Amino acid sequence: MTTWNLQETFCHLLICNGGSCMRRNADEVTNAIRDEIALIGADKQIHTTRTMCNGRCADACVVIAYPEGVWYKDITPEQGRELVRKHYSGERLDDDKTVYSFDRRFIATGLSITGVEKAPK
């Protein structure tokens, strides 16, 4: 098993590869994102992880960018490439692709389903 050196990493992209996202080209989105990272030489700065379902199936294909905590929806391979370029330069995709952001800039935009509450522990 490989352990990546993350000392230079400033962006982590979590790419949903759950069932709904896979039906909406998640594999192609993942490959486009990783290709763009390699193309711009940002392998040390941007790390990617394929995840299983992130619970936003109606928003497929979902990509989450950290440390900003921005949840993007309906990402296509080309938008995945744009997402890499934007986050590499400290920007974000347009608001219409944002479902949620930890900095509370965008919450329940109305462009997406509200979702369900997590069960209390």
Protein backbone atom coordinates (compact mmCIF):
# COMPACT_ATOMS: atom_id res chain seq x y z
CA MET A 1 0.00 0.00 0.00
CA THR A 2 1.32 3.45 -0.91
CA THR A 3 1.53 6.25 1.61
CA TRP A 4 1.51 9.61 -0.18
CA ASN A 5 3.66 12.51 0.92
CA LEU A 6 1.10 15.26 1.48
CA GLN A 7 3.42 18.00 2.77
CA GLU A 8 2.85 20.23 -0.27
CA THR A 9 -0.85 19.40 -0.66
CA PHE A 10 -3.28 22.30 -0.31
CA CYS A 11 -6.35 20.83 -2.02
CA HIS A 12 -8.04 17.45 -1.60
CA LEU A 13 -10.73 16.47 -4.11
CA LEU A 14 -13.13 13.72 -3.03
CA ILE A 15 -14.80 12.28 -6.13
CA CYS A 16 -17.94 10.25 -5.53
CA ASN A 17 -17.85 6.89 -7.26
CA GLY A 18 -21.08 5.56 -5.75
CA GLY A 19 -23.75 3.96 -7.92
CA SER A 20 -25.66 7.09 -8.98
CA CYS A 21 -22.47 9.01 -9.71
CA MET A 22 -21.02 6.08 -11.67
CA ARG A 23 -24.15 6.15 -13.85
CA ARG A 24 -23.43 9.87 -14.41
CA ASN A 25 -19.85 9.35 -15.66
CA ALA A 26 -17.97 9.42 -12.34
CA ASP A 27 -15.21 7.25 -13.78
CA GLU A 28 -14.70 9.70 -16.65
CA VAL A 29 -14.87 12.66 -14.23
CA THR A 30 -12.24 11.01 -11.99
CA ASN A 31 -9.93 10.37 -14.95
CA ALA A 32 -10.39 13.92 -16.31
CA ILE A 33 -9.60 15.44 -12.90
CA ARG A 34 -6.50 13.29 -12.48
CA ASP A 35 -5.37 13.96 -16.07
CA GLU A 36 -5.74 17.73 -15.56
CA ILE A 37 -3.75 17.57 -12.31
CA ALA A 38 -0.93 15.79 -14.16
CA LEU A 39 -1.19 18.17 -17.15
CA ILE A 40 -0.67 21.28 -15.01
CA GLY A 41 1.98 19.59 -12.87
CA ALA A 42 0.00 19.81 -9.63
CA ASP A 43 0.44 16.23 -8.41
CA LYS A 44 2.03 17.40 -5.17
CA GLN A 45 -0.48 20.21 -4.56
CA ILE A 46 -3.80 18.49 -5.35
CA HIS A 47 -4.67 15.05 -3.99
CA THR A 48 -7.67 12.99 -5.12
CA THR A 49 -9.65 10.23 -3.47
CA ARG A 50 -12.40 8.13 -5.00
CA THR A 51 -15.16 7.76 -2.43
CA MET A 52 -18.21 5.62 -2.20
CA CYS A 53 -21.65 7.24 -1.89
CA ASN A 54 -21.62 10.73 -0.34
CA GLY A 55 -25.41 10.80 0.08
CA ARG A 56 -26.16 13.36 -2.64
CA CYS A 57 -27.31 10.95 -5.36
CA ALA A 58 -29.71 13.48 -6.94
CA ASP A 59 -26.67 15.76 -7.45
CA ALA A 60 -24.54 13.17 -9.26
CA CYS A 61 -21.70 13.42 -10.13
CA VAL A 62 -20.53 14.95 -6.83
CA VAL A 63 -17.02 16.31 -6.18
CA ILE A 64 -16.03 17.77 -2.80
CA ALA A 65 -13.07 20.13 -2.44
CA TYR A 66 -11.22 20.53 0.85
CA PRO A 67 -10.09 22.37 2.90
CA GLU A 68 -12.79 24.76 1.61
CA GLY A 69 -15.50 22.15 2.12
CA VAL A 70 -17.21 22.98 -1.18
CA TRP A 71 -19.65 20.36 -2.47
CA TYR A 72 -20.14 20.50 -6.25
CA LYS A 73 -22.95 18.85 -8.21
CA ASP A 74 -23.59 17.64 -11.76
CA ILE A 75 -19.89 17.62 -12.61
CA THR A 76 -18.94 16.54 -16.12
CA PRO A 77 -15.42 15.55 -17.19
CA GLU A 78 -14.77 19.03 -18.66
CA GLN A 79 -16.10 20.73 -15.54
CA GLY A 80 -13.83 18.43 -13.51
CA ARG A 81 -10.87 19.79 -15.46
CA GLU A 82 -12.07 23.35 -14.86
CA LEU A 83 -12.53 22.58 -11.16
CA VAL A 84 -8.86 21.55 -10.94
CA ARG A 85 -7.66 24.74 -12.66
CA LYS A 86 -9.89 26.95 -10.50
CA HIS A 87 -8.90 25.40 -7.16
CA TYR A 88 -5.24 25.38 -8.19
CA SER A 89 -5.46 29.15 -8.65
CA GLY A 90 -7.48 29.68 -5.45
CA GLU A 91 -10.87 30.10 -7.13
CA ARG A 92 -14.08 28.04 -7.27
CA LEU A 93 -16.52 26.87 -9.92
CA ASP A 94 -19.58 29.02 -10.57
CA ASP A 95 -22.28 29.18 -7.92
CA ASP A 96 -24.73 27.10 -9.97
CA LYS A 97 -22.50 24.04 -9.40
CA THR A 98 -22.23 24.56 -5.63
CA VAL A 99 -24.54 22.62 -3.33
CA TYR A 100 -22.91 23.52 -0.03
CA SER A 101 -19.83 25.18 1.42
CA PHE A 102 -18.48 24.96 4.96
CA ASP A 103 -17.77 28.68 4.97
CA ARG A 104 -21.54 29.11 4.73
CA ARG A 105 -21.32 31.11 1.50
CA PHE A 106 -23.82 28.75 -0.13
CA ILE A 107 -26.44 26.79 1.74
CA ALA A 108 -29.52 25.20 0.22
CA THR A 109 -29.34 27.22 -2.98
CA GLY A 110 -32.65 25.87 -4.20
CA LEU A 111 -30.83 24.50 -7.22
CA SER A 112 -30.64 21.12 -5.54
CA ILE A 113 -32.65 18.90 -3.24
CA THR A 114 -32.44 19.78 0.43
CA GLY A 115 -31.69 16.20 1.44
CA VAL A 116 -32.47 14.21 4.54
CA GLU A 117 -31.39 14.72 8.13
CA LYS A 118 -28.89 12.26 9.60
CA ALA A 119 -30.32 10.03 12.28
CA PRO A 120 -29.40 11.16 15.81
CA LYS A 121 -26.90 8.93 17.61
